[in-house]
Amino acid sequence: MGRPIDKYFLGATGGAPATIPVRADIGGTDFEGYIVNQKGSNKFTVSNDAGTVSGVAYLVDKVTGHDDGEMSIVGQVDGGDNVTIQKITAHKAVGFNGTVYSWAVADDSSESLIRLTPLA
């Protein structure tokens, strides 16, 4: 798995510190939520913000319309372009576009966001 994501970035969204937001489908319930724990670079246990739905999901190249067991992490590059993440570790994220990014989590007071910076 490489270097796992620091637990500091896992947990319910909308609080302090800012955490990684996800979109997922578990058991036919499509939701926005958070990562409970990391199983691999592209496999996670996720939960909705209310904590009523949770399960294991894999990263896919979708923003919405997930099938059961699928999830996405969407980051923003400077300029506002959205990128779906193929795999993520402690210091790097790889987009489905093949670009490697450094990442940071930010909270703009209305939602948690992942900011991506392309690496040369």
PDB file of N, CA and C in Angstrom:
ATOM      1  N   MET A   1       0.822  -1.193   0.000  1.00  0.00           N
ATOM      2  CA  MET A   1       0.000   0.000   0.000  1.00  0.00           C
ATOM      3  C   MET A   1       0.859   1.247   0.000  1.00  0.00           C
ATOM      4  N   GLY A   2       2.143   1.125   0.271  1.00  0.00           N
ATOM      5  CA  GLY A   2       2.951   2.337   0.367  1.00  0.00           C
ATOM      6  C   GLY A   2       2.732   2.995   1.714  1.00  0.00           C
ATOM      7  N   ARG A   3       2.761   4.275   1.746  1.00  0.00           N
ATOM      8  CA  ARG A   3       2.537   5.008   2.981  1.00  0.00           C
ATOM      9  C   ARG A   3       1.051   5.315   3.130  1.00  0.00           C
ATOM     10  N   PRO A   4       0.405   4.807   4.169  1.00  0.00           N
ATOM     11  CA  PRO A   4      -1.024   5.061   4.344  1.00  0.00           C
ATOM     12  C   PRO A   4      -1.300   6.527   4.696  1.00  0.00           C
ATOM     13  N   ILE A   5      -2.524   6.936   4.439  1.00  0.00           N
ATOM     14  CA  ILE A   5      -2.954   8.291   4.776  1.00  0.00           C
ATOM     15  C   ILE A   5      -2.931   8.440   6.295  1.00  0.00           C
ATOM     16  N   ASP A   6      -2.434   9.565   6.772  1.00  0.00           N
ATOM     17  CA  ASP A   6      -2.412   9.848   8.207  1.00  0.00           C
ATOM     18  C   ASP A   6      -3.853   9.874   8.734  1.00  0.00           C
ATOM     19  N   LYS A   7      -4.092   9.248   9.870  1.00  0.00           N
ATOM     20  CA  LYS A   7      -5.435   9.185  10.465  1.00  0.00           C
ATOM     21  C   LYS A   7      -6.001  10.569  10.754  1.00  0.00           C
ATOM     22  N   TYR A   8      -5.148  11.567  10.800  1.00  0.00           N
ATOM     23  CA  TYR A   8      -5.546  12.961  10.997  1.00  0.00           C
ATOM     24  C   TYR A   8      -6.536  13.401   9.914  1.00  0.00           C
ATOM     25  N   PHE A   9      -6.429  12.832   8.701  1.00  0.00           N
ATOM     26  CA  PHE A   9      -7.267  13.224   7.571  1.00  0.00           C
ATOM     27  C   PHE A   9      -8.491  12.330   7.396  1.00  0.00           C
ATOM     28  N   LEU A  10      -8.687  11.376   8.297  1.00  0.00           N
ATOM     29  CA  LEU A  10      -9.829  10.473   8.234  1.00  0.00           C
ATOM     30  C   LEU A  10     -10.863  10.894   9.270  1.00  0.00           C
ATOM     31  N   GLY A  11     -12.133  10.675   8.960  1.00  0.00           N
ATOM     32  CA  GLY A  11     -13.198  10.992   9.908  1.00  0.00           C
ATOM     33  C   GLY A  11     -14.234  11.900   9.291  1.00  0.00           C
ATOM     34  N   ALA A  12     -15.254  12.203  10.074  1.00  0.00           N
ATOM     35  CA  ALA A  12     -16.395  12.990   9.599  1.00  0.00           C
ATOM     36  C   ALA A  12     -15.958  14.333   9.022  1.00  0.00           C
ATOM     37  N   THR A  13     -16.633  14.739   7.960  1.00  0.00           N
ATOM     38  CA  THR A  13     -16.311  16.002   7.288  1.00  0.00           C
ATOM     39  C   THR A  13     -17.022  17.164   7.963  1.00  0.00           C
ATOM     40  N   GLY A  14     -16.590  18.369   7.636  1.00  0.00           N
ATOM     41  CA  GLY A  14     -17.245  19.567   8.119  1.00  0.00           C
ATOM     42  C   GLY A  14     -16.758  20.064   9.465  1.00  0.00           C
ATOM     43  N   GLY A  15     -15.754  19.433  10.011  1.00  0.00           N
ATOM     44  CA  GLY A  15     -15.239  19.868  11.309  1.00  0.00           C
ATOM     45  C   GLY A  15     -13.797  20.290  11.209  1.00  0.00           C
ATOM     46  N   ALA A  16     -13.182  20.413  12.347  1.00  0.00           N
ATOM     47  CA  ALA A  16     -11.766  20.736  12.386  1.00  0.00           C
ATOM     48  C   ALA A  16     -11.064  19.573  13.071  1.00  0.00           C
ATOM     49  N   PRO A  17     -10.018  19.063  12.532  1.00  0.00           N
ATOM     50  CA  PRO A  17      -9.376  19.468  11.283  1.00  0.00           C
ATOM     51  C   PRO A  17     -10.164  18.980  10.070  1.00  0.00           C
ATOM     52  N   ALA A  18      -9.882  19.572   8.922  1.00  0.00           N
ATOM     53  CA  ALA A  18     -10.541  19.172   7.681  1.00  0.00           C
ATOM     54  C   ALA A  18     -10.131  17.744   7.323  1.00  0.00           C
ATOM     55  N   THR A  19     -11.079  16.954   6.833  1.00  0.00           N
ATOM     56  CA  THR A  19     -10.818  15.565   6.469  1.00  0.00           C
ATOM     57  C   THR A  19     -11.148  15.331   5.004  1.00  0.00           C
ATOM     58  N   ILE A  20     -10.788  14.165   4.486  1.00  0.00           N
ATOM     59  CA  ILE A  20     -10.988  13.841   3.075  1.00  0.00           C
ATOM     60  C   ILE A  20     -12.447  13.470   2.821  1.00  0.00           C
ATOM     61  N   PRO A  21     -13.139  14.222   1.965  1.00  0.00           N
ATOM     62  CA  PRO A  21     -14.529  13.893   1.629  1.00  0.00           C
ATOM     63  C   PRO A  21     -14.585  12.863   0.500  1.00  0.00           C
ATOM     64  N   VAL A  22     -15.619  12.021   0.504  1.00  0.00           N
ATOM     65  CA  VAL A  22     -15.796  11.017  -0.539  1.00  0.00           C
ATOM     66  C   VAL A  22     -17.249  10.998  -0.997  1.00  0.00           C
ATOM     67  N   ARG A  23     -17.463  10.428  -2.165  1.00  0.00           N
ATOM     68  CA  ARG A  23     -18.798  10.083  -2.650  1.00  0.00           C
ATOM     69  C   ARG A  23     -18.772   8.586  -2.880  1.00  0.00           C
ATOM     70  N   ALA A  24     -19.799   7.875  -2.412  1.00  0.00           N
ATOM     71  CA  ALA A  24     -19.758   6.416  -2.482  1.00  0.00           C
ATOM     72  C   ALA A  24     -21.158   5.824  -2.553  1.00  0.00           C
ATOM     73  N   ASP A  25     -21.198   4.524  -2.849  1.00  0.00           N
ATOM     74  CA  ASP A  25     -22.433   3.753  -2.805  1.00  0.00           C
ATOM     75  C   ASP A  25     -22.142   2.464  -2.043  1.00  0.00           C
ATOM     76  N   ILE A  26     -22.870   2.259  -0.975  1.00  0.00           N
ATOM     77  CA  ILE A  26     -22.774   1.032  -0.192  1.00  0.00           C
ATOM     78  C   ILE A  26     -24.186   0.461  -0.081  1.00  0.00           C
ATOM     79  N   GLY A  27     -24.362  -0.759  -0.549  1.00  0.00           N
ATOM     80  CA  GLY A  27     -25.655  -1.421  -0.446  1.00  0.00           C
ATOM     81  C   GLY A  27     -26.782  -0.710  -1.169  1.00  0.00           C
ATOM     82  N   GLY A  28     -26.453   0.010  -2.252  1.00  0.00           N
ATOM     83  CA  GLY A  28     -27.477   0.717  -3.014  1.00  0.00           C
ATOM     84  C   GLY A  28     -27.798   2.102  -2.498  1.00  0.00           C
ATOM     85  N   THR A  29     -27.098   2.549  -1.449  1.00  0.00           N
ATOM     86  CA  THR A  29     -27.299   3.893  -0.921  1.00  0.00           C
ATOM     87  C   THR A  29     -26.148   4.773  -1.378  1.00  0.00           C
ATOM     88  N   ASP A  30     -26.454   5.761  -2.239  1.00  0.00           N
ATOM     89  CA  ASP A  30     -25.457   6.694  -2.757  1.00  0.00           C
ATOM     90  C   ASP A  30     -25.359   7.863  -1.775  1.00  0.00           C
ATOM     91  N   PHE A  31     -24.157   8.222  -1.349  1.00  0.00           N
ATOM     92  CA  PHE A  31     -24.010   9.273  -0.334  1.00  0.00           C
ATOM     93  C   PHE A  31     -22.691  10.005  -0.454  1.00  0.00           C
ATOM     94  N   GLU A  32     -22.622  11.168   0.209  1.00  0.00           N
ATOM     95  CA  GLU A  32     -21.378  11.875   0.441  1.00  0.00           C
ATOM     96  C   GLU A  32     -20.995  11.589   1.882  1.00  0.00           C
ATOM     97  N   GLY A  33     -19.721  11.334   2.103  1.00  0.00           N
ATOM     98  CA  GLY A  33     -19.308  10.977   3.447  1.00  0.00           C
ATOM     99  C   GLY A  33     -17.823  11.106   3.650  1.00  0.00           C
ATOM    100  N   TYR A  34     -17.261  10.129   4.367  1.00  0.00           N
ATOM    101  CA  TYR A  34     -15.867  10.221   4.766  1.00  0.00           C
ATOM    102  C   TYR A  34     -15.230   8.843   4.842  1.00  0.00           C
ATOM    103  N   ILE A  35     -13.900   8.845   4.947  1.00  0.00           N
ATOM    104  CA  ILE A  35     -13.127   7.609   5.070  1.00  0.00           C
ATOM    105  C   ILE A  35     -13.025   7.240   6.549  1.00  0.00           C
ATOM    106  N   VAL A  36     -13.398   6.000   6.866  1.00  0.00           N
ATOM    107  CA  VAL A  36     -13.265   5.477   8.222  1.00  0.00           C
ATOM    108  C   VAL A  36     -11.847   4.940   8.413  1.00  0.00           C
ATOM    109  N   ASN A  37     -11.390   4.107   7.449  1.00  0.00           N
ATOM    110  CA  ASN A  37     -10.011   3.625   7.472  1.00  0.00           C
ATOM    111  C   ASN A  37      -9.596   3.216   6.066  1.00  0.00           C
ATOM    112  N   GLN A  38      -8.291   3.061   5.898  1.00  0.00           N
ATOM    113  CA  GLN A  38      -7.715   2.746   4.595  1.00  0.00           C
ATOM    114  C   GLN A  38      -7.328   1.281   4.553  1.00  0.00           C
ATOM    115  N   LYS A  39      -7.777   0.575   3.500  1.00  0.00           N
ATOM    116  CA  LYS A  39      -7.472  -0.841   3.308  1.00  0.00           C
ATOM    117  C   LYS A  39      -6.350  -1.042   2.291  1.00  0.00           C
ATOM    118  N   GLY A  40      -6.138  -0.057   1.415  1.00  0.00           N
ATOM    119  CA  GLY A  40      -5.122  -0.094   0.367  1.00  0.00           C
ATOM    120  C   GLY A  40      -5.061   1.272  -0.275  1.00  0.00           C
ATOM    121  N   SER A  41      -4.255   1.426  -1.324  1.00  0.00           N
ATOM    122  CA  SER A  41      -4.126   2.742  -1.946  1.00  0.00           C
ATOM    123  C   SER A  41      -5.393   3.156  -2.694  1.00  0.00           C
ATOM    124  N   ASN A  42      -6.269   2.178  -2.990  1.00  0.00           N
ATOM    125  CA  ASN A  42      -7.523   2.512  -3.673  1.00  0.00           C
ATOM    126  C   ASN A  42      -8.730   1.800  -3.060  1.00  0.00           C
ATOM    127  N   LYS A  43      -8.603   1.316  -1.840  1.00  0.00           N
ATOM    128  CA  LYS A  43      -9.678   0.586  -1.164  1.00  0.00           C
ATOM    129  C   LYS A  43      -9.827   1.126   0.261  1.00  0.00           C
ATOM    130  N   PHE A  44     -11.062   1.486   0.640  1.00  0.00           N
ATOM    131  CA  PHE A  44     -11.312   2.156   1.901  1.00  0.00           C
ATOM    132  C   PHE A  44     -12.610   1.668   2.544  1.00  0.00           C
ATOM    133  N   THR A  45     -12.691   1.761   3.855  1.00  0.00           N
ATOM    134  CA  THR A  45     -13.966   1.660   4.543  1.00  0.00           C
ATOM    135  C   THR A  45     -14.497   3.088   4.617  1.00  0.00           C
ATOM    136  N   VAL A  46     -15.737   3.295   4.158  1.00  0.00           N
ATOM    137  CA  VAL A  46     -16.337   4.620   4.110  1.00  0.00           C
ATOM    138  C   VAL A  46     -17.660   4.627   4.863  1.00  0.00           C
ATOM    139  N   SER A  47     -18.120   5.816   5.233  1.00  0.00           N
ATOM    140  CA  SER A  47     -19.382   5.977   5.940  1.00  0.00           C
ATOM    141  C   SER A  47     -20.040   7.271   5.492  1.00  0.00           C
ATOM    142  N   ASN A  48     -21.382   7.308   5.582  1.00  0.00           N
ATOM    143  CA  ASN A  48     -22.054   8.583   5.344  1.00  0.00           C
ATOM    144  C   ASN A  48     -21.845   9.463   6.572  1.00  0.00           C
ATOM    145  N   ASP A  49     -22.123  10.767   6.433  1.00  0.00           N
ATOM    146  CA  ASP A  49     -21.850  11.697   7.532  1.00  0.00           C
ATOM    147  C   ASP A  49     -22.653  11.382   8.783  1.00  0.00           C
ATOM    148  N   ALA A  50     -23.829  10.774   8.628  1.00  0.00           N
ATOM    149  CA  ALA A  50     -24.652  10.428   9.783  1.00  0.00           C
ATOM    150  C   ALA A  50     -24.148   9.165  10.484  1.00  0.00           C
ATOM    151  N   GLY A  51     -23.286   8.398   9.805  1.00  0.00           N
ATOM    152  CA  GLY A  51     -22.766   7.164  10.384  1.00  0.00           C
ATOM    153  C   GLY A  51     -23.737   5.995  10.317  1.00  0.00           C
ATOM    154  N   THR A  52     -24.783   6.117   9.491  1.00  0.00           N
ATOM    155  CA  THR A  52     -25.800   5.067   9.403  1.00  0.00           C
ATOM    156  C   THR A  52     -25.522   4.046   8.308  1.00  0.00           C
ATOM    157  N   VAL A  53     -24.641   4.382   7.363  1.00  0.00           N
ATOM    158  CA  VAL A  53     -24.279   3.469   6.276  1.00  0.00           C
ATOM    159  C   VAL A  53     -22.760   3.411   6.214  1.00  0.00           C
ATOM    160  N   SER A  54     -22.196   2.200   6.202  1.00  0.00           N
ATOM    161  CA  SER A  54     -20.748   2.082   6.048  1.00  0.00           C
ATOM    162  C   SER A  54     -20.417   0.762   5.375  1.00  0.00           C
ATOM    163  N   GLY A  55     -19.252   0.710   4.750  1.00  0.00           N
ATOM    164  CA  GLY A  55     -18.791  -0.487   4.074  1.00  0.00           C
ATOM    165  C   GLY A  55     -17.510  -0.214   3.321  1.00  0.00           C
ATOM    166  N   VAL A  56     -16.998  -1.246   2.651  1.00  0.00           N
ATOM    167  CA  VAL A  56     -15.740  -1.146   1.904  1.00  0.00           C
ATOM    168  C   VAL A  56     -16.051  -0.777   0.458  1.00  0.00           C
ATOM    169  N   ALA A  57     -15.261   0.154  -0.092  1.00  0.00           N
ATOM    170  CA  ALA A  57     -15.457   0.599  -1.473  1.00  0.00           C
ATOM    171  C   ALA A  57     -14.111   0.828  -2.146  1.00  0.00           C
ATOM    172  N   TYR A  58     -14.116   0.739  -3.486  1.00  0.00           N
ATOM    173  CA  TYR A  58     -12.943   0.959  -4.330  1.00  0.00           C
ATOM    174  C   TYR A  58     -13.084   2.262  -5.092  1.00  0.00           C
ATOM    175  N   LEU A  59     -11.956   2.934  -5.339  1.00  0.00           N
ATOM    176  CA  LEU A  59     -11.968   4.161  -6.131  1.00  0.00           C
ATOM    177  C   LEU A  59     -12.270   3.864  -7.599  1.00  0.00           C
ATOM    178  N   VAL A  60     -13.156   4.662  -8.186  1.00  0.00           N
ATOM    179  CA  VAL A  60     -13.507   4.550  -9.599  1.00  0.00           C
ATOM    180  C   VAL A  60     -13.485   5.936 -10.222  1.00  0.00           C
ATOM    181  N   ASP A  61     -13.450   5.976 -11.549  1.00  0.00           N
ATOM    182  CA  ASP A  61     -13.394   7.238 -12.294  1.00  0.00           C
ATOM    183  C   ASP A  61     -14.802   7.760 -12.572  1.00  0.00           C
ATOM    184  N   LYS A  62     -15.515   8.102 -11.499  1.00  0.00           N
ATOM    185  CA  LYS A  62     -16.867   8.665 -11.586  1.00  0.00           C
ATOM    186  C   LYS A  62     -16.985   9.767 -10.546  1.00  0.00           C
ATOM    187  N   VAL A  63     -17.777  10.779 -10.860  1.00  0.00           N
ATOM    188  CA  VAL A  63     -18.058  11.813  -9.874  1.00  0.00           C
ATOM    189  C   VAL A  63     -19.380  11.501  -9.171  1.00  0.00           C
ATOM    190  N   THR A  64     -20.355  11.006  -9.923  1.00  0.00           N
ATOM    191  CA  THR A  64     -21.649  10.592  -9.372  1.00  0.00           C
ATOM    192  C   THR A  64     -22.064   9.301 -10.057  1.00  0.00           C
ATOM    193  N   GLY A  65     -23.174   8.729  -9.627  1.00  0.00           N
ATOM    194  CA  GLY A  65     -23.691   7.521 -10.263  1.00  0.00           C
ATOM    195  C   GLY A  65     -22.905   6.272  -9.941  1.00  0.00           C
ATOM    196  N   HIS A  66     -22.442   6.147  -8.708  1.00  0.00           N
ATOM    197  CA  HIS A  66     -21.655   4.987  -8.296  1.00  0.00           C
ATOM    198  C   HIS A  66     -22.517   3.739  -8.192  1.00  0.00           C
ATOM    199  N   ASP A  67     -21.916   2.596  -8.490  1.00  0.00           N
ATOM    200  CA  ASP A  67     -22.532   1.299  -8.250  1.00  0.00           C
ATOM    201  C   ASP A  67     -22.133   0.843  -6.851  1.00  0.00           C
ATOM    202  N   ASP A  68     -22.785  -0.206  -6.358  1.00  0.00           N
ATOM    203  CA  ASP A  68     -22.503  -0.719  -5.023  1.00  0.00           C
ATOM    204  C   ASP A  68     -21.021  -1.059  -4.875  1.00  0.00           C
ATOM    205  N   GLY A  69     -20.383  -0.557  -3.821  1.00  0.00           N
ATOM    206  CA  GLY A  69     -18.974  -0.830  -3.553  1.00  0.00           C
ATOM    207  C   GLY A  69     -18.014   0.091  -4.276  1.00  0.00           C
ATOM    208  N   GLU A  70     -18.528   1.130  -4.919  1.00  0.00           N
ATOM    209  CA  GLU A  70     -17.677   2.101  -5.613  1.00  0.00           C
ATOM    210  C   GLU A  70     -17.663   3.419  -4.850  1.00  0.00           C
ATOM    211  N   MET A  71     -16.563   4.141  -5.001  1.00  0.00           N
ATOM    212  CA  MET A  71     -16.429   5.455  -4.379  1.00  0.00           C
ATOM    213  C   MET A  71     -15.540   6.342  -5.225  1.00  0.00           C
ATOM    214  N   SER A  72     -15.581   7.631  -4.963  1.00  0.00           N
ATOM    215  CA  SER A  72     -14.660   8.550  -5.625  1.00  0.00           C
ATOM    216  C   SER A  72     -14.186   9.604  -4.636  1.00  0.00           C
ATOM    217  N   ILE A  73     -12.956  10.017  -4.860  1.00  0.00           N
ATOM    218  CA  ILE A  73     -12.375  11.164  -4.187  1.00  0.00           C
ATOM    219  C   ILE A  73     -12.099  12.150  -5.308  1.00  0.00           C
ATOM    220  N   VAL A  74     -12.648  13.336  -5.202  1.00  0.00           N
ATOM    221  CA  VAL A  74     -12.487  14.341  -6.243  1.00  0.00           C
ATOM    222  C   VAL A  74     -11.690  15.499  -5.670  1.00  0.00           C
ATOM    223  N   GLY A  75     -10.580  15.818  -6.327  1.00  0.00           N
ATOM    224  CA  GLY A  75      -9.742  16.926  -5.899  1.00  0.00           C
ATOM    225  C   GLY A  75      -9.819  18.068  -6.887  1.00  0.00           C
ATOM    226  N   GLN A  76      -9.384  19.251  -6.440  1.00  0.00           N
ATOM    227  CA  GLN A  76      -9.377  20.423  -7.305  1.00  0.00           C
ATOM    228  C   GLN A  76      -7.957  20.911  -7.524  1.00  0.00           C
ATOM    229  N   VAL A  77      -7.658  21.167  -8.792  1.00  0.00           N
ATOM    230  CA  VAL A  77      -6.377  21.744  -9.184  1.00  0.00           C
ATOM    231  C   VAL A  77      -6.566  23.248  -9.248  1.00  0.00           C
ATOM    232  N   ASP A  78      -5.489  24.034  -9.049  1.00  0.00           N
ATOM    233  CA  ASP A  78      -5.597  25.483  -9.216  1.00  0.00           C
ATOM    234  C   ASP A  78      -6.234  25.783 -10.553  1.00  0.00           C
ATOM    235  N   GLY A  79      -7.176  26.682 -10.560  1.00  0.00           N
ATOM    236  CA  GLY A  79      -7.917  26.976 -11.772  1.00  0.00           C
ATOM    237  C   GLY A  79      -9.304  26.357 -11.734  1.00  0.00           C
ATOM    238  N   GLY A  80      -9.541  25.501 -10.730  1.00  0.00           N
ATOM    239  CA  GLY A  80     -10.872  24.955 -10.529  1.00  0.00           C
ATOM    240  C   GLY A  80     -11.192  23.653 -11.216  1.00  0.00           C
ATOM    241  N   ASP A  81     -10.243  23.063 -11.969  1.00  0.00           N
ATOM    242  CA  ASP A  81     -10.520  21.793 -12.634  1.00  0.00           C
ATOM    243  C   ASP A  81     -10.627  20.675 -11.604  1.00  0.00           C
ATOM    244  N   ASN A  82     -11.641  19.819 -11.747  1.00  0.00           N
ATOM    245  CA  ASN A  82     -11.830  18.676 -10.862  1.00  0.00           C
ATOM    246  C   ASN A  82     -11.116  17.459 -11.423  1.00  0.00           C
ATOM    247  N   VAL A  83     -10.506  16.666 -10.536  1.00  0.00           N
ATOM    248  CA  VAL A  83      -9.777  15.460 -10.916  1.00  0.00           C
ATOM    249  C   VAL A  83     -10.239  14.319 -10.018  1.00  0.00           C
ATOM    250  N   THR A  84     -10.628  13.183 -10.629  1.00  0.00           N
ATOM    251  CA  THR A  84     -10.947  12.002  -9.829  1.00  0.00           C
ATOM    252  C   THR A  84      -9.642  11.267  -9.526  1.00  0.00           C
ATOM    253  N   ILE A  85      -9.506  10.832  -8.280  1.00  0.00           N
ATOM    254  CA  ILE A  85      -8.280  10.221  -7.800  1.00  0.00           C
ATOM    255  C   ILE A  85      -8.324   8.704  -7.989  1.00  0.00           C
ATOM    256  N   GLN A  86      -7.262   8.146  -8.589  1.00  0.00           N
ATOM    257  CA  GLN A  86      -7.147   6.709  -8.824  1.00  0.00           C
ATOM    258  C   GLN A  86      -6.570   5.985  -7.613  1.00  0.00           C
ATOM    259  N   LYS A  87      -5.574   6.613  -6.964  1.00  0.00           N
ATOM    260  CA  LYS A  87      -5.015   6.071  -5.726  1.00  0.00           C
ATOM    261  C   LYS A  87      -4.409   7.215  -4.942  1.00  0.00           C
ATOM    262  N   ILE A  88      -4.353   7.014  -3.621  1.00  0.00           N
ATOM    263  CA  ILE A  88      -3.858   8.076  -2.750  1.00  0.00           C
ATOM    264  C   ILE A  88      -3.055   7.446  -1.619  1.00  0.00           C
ATOM    265  N   THR A  89      -1.928   8.084  -1.309  1.00  0.00           N
ATOM    266  CA  THR A  89      -1.087   7.668  -0.193  1.00  0.00           C
ATOM    267  C   THR A  89      -0.839   8.892   0.683  1.00  0.00           C
ATOM    268  N   ALA A  90       0.028   8.763   1.646  1.00  0.00           N
ATOM    269  CA  ALA A  90       0.262   9.836   2.609  1.00  0.00           C
ATOM    270  C   ALA A  90       0.693  11.151   1.967  1.00  0.00           C
ATOM    271  N   HIS A  91       1.455  11.092   0.884  1.00  0.00           N
ATOM    272  CA  HIS A  91       2.022  12.316   0.318  1.00  0.00           C
ATOM    273  C   HIS A  91       1.641  12.574  -1.132  1.00  0.00           C
ATOM    274  N   LYS A  92       1.126  11.565  -1.817  1.00  0.00           N
ATOM    275  CA  LYS A  92       0.830  11.715  -3.246  1.00  0.00           C
ATOM    276  C   LYS A  92      -0.535  11.141  -3.585  1.00  0.00           C
ATOM    277  N   ALA A  93      -1.106  11.716  -4.629  1.00  0.00           N
ATOM    278  CA  ALA A  93      -2.341  11.189  -5.196  1.00  0.00           C
ATOM    279  C   ALA A  93      -2.128  11.079  -6.699  1.00  0.00           C
ATOM    280  N   VAL A  94      -2.676  10.030  -7.306  1.00  0.00           N
ATOM    281  CA  VAL A  94      -2.589   9.840  -8.750  1.00  0.00           C
ATOM    282  C   VAL A  94      -3.998   9.938  -9.308  1.00  0.00           C
ATOM    283  N   GLY A  95      -4.177  10.829 -10.282  1.00  0.00           N
ATOM    284  CA  GLY A  95      -5.475  10.977 -10.909  1.00  0.00           C
ATOM    285  C   GLY A  95      -5.683   9.911 -11.976  1.00  0.00           C
ATOM    286  N   PHE A  96      -6.946   9.661 -12.329  1.00  0.00           N
ATOM    287  CA  PHE A  96      -7.232   8.739 -13.421  1.00  0.00           C
ATOM    288  C   PHE A  96      -6.687   9.279 -14.744  1.00  0.00           C
ATOM    289  N   ASN A  97      -6.310  10.573 -14.764  1.00  0.00           N
ATOM    290  CA  ASN A  97      -5.681  11.162 -15.947  1.00  0.00           C
ATOM    291  C   ASN A  97      -4.194  10.840 -16.024  1.00  0.00           C
ATOM    292  N   GLY A  98      -3.648  10.119 -15.021  1.00  0.00           N
ATOM    293  CA  GLY A  98      -2.246   9.715 -15.016  1.00  0.00           C
ATOM    294  C   GLY A  98      -1.304  10.702 -14.349  1.00  0.00           C
ATOM    295  N   THR A  99      -1.790  11.868 -13.967  1.00  0.00           N
ATOM    296  CA  THR A  99      -0.953  12.884 -13.343  1.00  0.00           C
ATOM    297  C   THR A  99      -0.779  12.584 -11.854  1.00  0.00           C
ATOM    298  N   VAL A 100       0.457  12.797 -11.364  1.00  0.00           N
ATOM    299  CA  VAL A 100       0.761  12.621  -9.946  1.00  0.00           C
ATOM    300  C   VAL A 100       0.691  13.992  -9.282  1.00  0.00           C
ATOM    301  N   TYR A 101       0.038  14.049  -8.116  1.00  0.00           N
ATOM    302  CA  TYR A 101      -0.171  15.306  -7.404  1.00  0.00           C
ATOM    303  C   TYR A 101       0.295  15.181  -5.962  1.00  0.00           C
ATOM    304  N   SER A 102       0.712  16.306  -5.385  1.00  0.00           N
ATOM    305  CA  SER A 102       0.761  16.397  -3.935  1.00  0.00           C
ATOM    306  C   SER A 102      -0.630  16.883  -3.546  1.00  0.00           C
ATOM    307  N   TRP A 103      -1.056  16.593  -2.312  1.00  0.00           N
ATOM    308  CA  TRP A 103      -2.414  16.973  -1.938  1.00  0.00           C
ATOM    309  C   TRP A 103      -2.459  17.558  -0.538  1.00  0.00           C
ATOM    310  N   ALA A 104      -3.485  18.347  -0.301  1.00  0.00           N
ATOM    311  CA  ALA A 104      -3.748  18.928   1.015  1.00  0.00           C
ATOM    312  C   ALA A 104      -5.257  19.057   1.153  1.00  0.00           C
ATOM    313  N   VAL A 105      -5.733  18.942   2.373  1.00  0.00           N
ATOM    314  CA  VAL A 105      -7.164  19.084   2.631  1.00  0.00           C
ATOM    315  C   VAL A 105      -7.409  20.485   3.167  1.00  0.00           C
ATOM    316  N   ALA A 106      -8.469  21.108   2.659  1.00  0.00           N
ATOM    317  CA  ALA A 106      -8.848  22.451   3.111  1.00  0.00           C
ATOM    318  C   ALA A 106     -10.339  22.456   3.408  1.00  0.00           C
ATOM    319  N   ASP A 107     -10.764  23.377   4.234  1.00  0.00           N
ATOM    320  CA  ASP A 107     -12.183  23.535   4.535  1.00  0.00           C
ATOM    321  C   ASP A 107     -12.516  24.999   4.292  1.00  0.00           C
ATOM    322  N   ASP A 108     -13.445  25.239   3.350  1.00  0.00           N
ATOM    323  CA  ASP A 108     -13.788  26.626   3.014  1.00  0.00           C
ATOM    324  C   ASP A 108     -15.019  27.109   3.790  1.00  0.00           C
ATOM    325  N   SER A 109     -15.299  26.519   4.924  1.00  0.00           N
ATOM    326  CA  SER A 109     -16.410  26.811   5.831  1.00  0.00           C
ATOM    327  C   SER A 109     -17.740  26.230   5.373  1.00  0.00           C
ATOM    328  N   SER A 110     -17.833  25.792   4.108  1.00  0.00           N
ATOM    329  CA  SER A 110     -19.072  25.144   3.669  1.00  0.00           C
ATOM    330  C   SER A 110     -18.845  23.670   3.350  1.00  0.00           C
ATOM    331  N   GLU A 111     -17.598  23.294   3.019  1.00  0.00           N
ATOM    332  CA  GLU A 111     -17.300  21.908   2.712  1.00  0.00           C
ATOM    333  C   GLU A 111     -15.800  21.658   2.788  1.00  0.00           C
ATOM    334  N   SER A 112     -15.446  20.389   2.943  1.00  0.00           N
ATOM    335  CA  SER A 112     -14.044  19.983   2.903  1.00  0.00           C
ATOM    336  C   SER A 112     -13.660  19.746   1.454  1.00  0.00           C
ATOM    337  N   LEU A 113     -12.452  20.156   1.087  1.00  0.00           N
ATOM    338  CA  LEU A 113     -11.957  20.037  -0.284  1.00  0.00           C
ATOM    339  C   LEU A 113     -10.558  19.459  -0.288  1.00  0.00           C
ATOM    340  N   ILE A 114     -10.209  18.773  -1.373  1.00  0.00           N
ATOM    341  CA  ILE A 114      -8.832  18.321  -1.567  1.00  0.00           C
ATOM    342  C   ILE A 114      -8.215  19.213  -2.633  1.00  0.00           C
ATOM    343  N   ARG A 115      -7.147  19.882  -2.275  1.00  0.00           N
ATOM    344  CA  ARG A 115      -6.404  20.735  -3.205  1.00  0.00           C
ATOM    345  C   ARG A 115      -5.244  19.927  -3.772  1.00  0.00           C
ATOM    346  N   LEU A 116      -5.125  19.914  -5.093  1.00  0.00           N
ATOM    347  CA  LEU A 116      -4.086  19.135  -5.769  1.00  0.00           C
ATOM    348  C   LEU A 116      -3.075  20.054  -6.435  1.00  0.00           C
ATOM    349  N   THR A 117      -1.796  19.687  -6.323  1.00  0.00           N
ATOM    350  CA  THR A 117      -0.720  20.400  -7.005  1.00  0.00           C
ATOM    351  C   THR A 117       0.051  19.389  -7.832  1.00  0.00           C
ATOM    352  N   PRO A 118       0.068  19.567  -9.189  1.00  0.00           N
ATOM    353  CA  PRO A 118       0.791  18.605 -10.029  1.00  0.00           C
ATOM    354  C   PRO A 118       2.275  18.584  -9.689  1.00  0.00           C
ATOM    355  N   LEU A 119       2.858  17.381  -9.685  1.00  0.00           N
ATOM    356  CA  LEU A 119       4.293  17.226  -9.462  1.00  0.00           C
ATOM    357  C   LEU A 119       4.977  17.069 -10.806  1.00  0.00           C
ATOM    358  N   ALA A 120       6.154  17.646 -10.937  1.00  0.00           N
ATOM    359  CA  ALA A 120       6.889  17.580 -12.206  1.00  0.00           C
ATOM    360  C   ALA A 120       7.469  16.213 -12.446  1.00  0.00           C
TER     361      ALA A 120
END
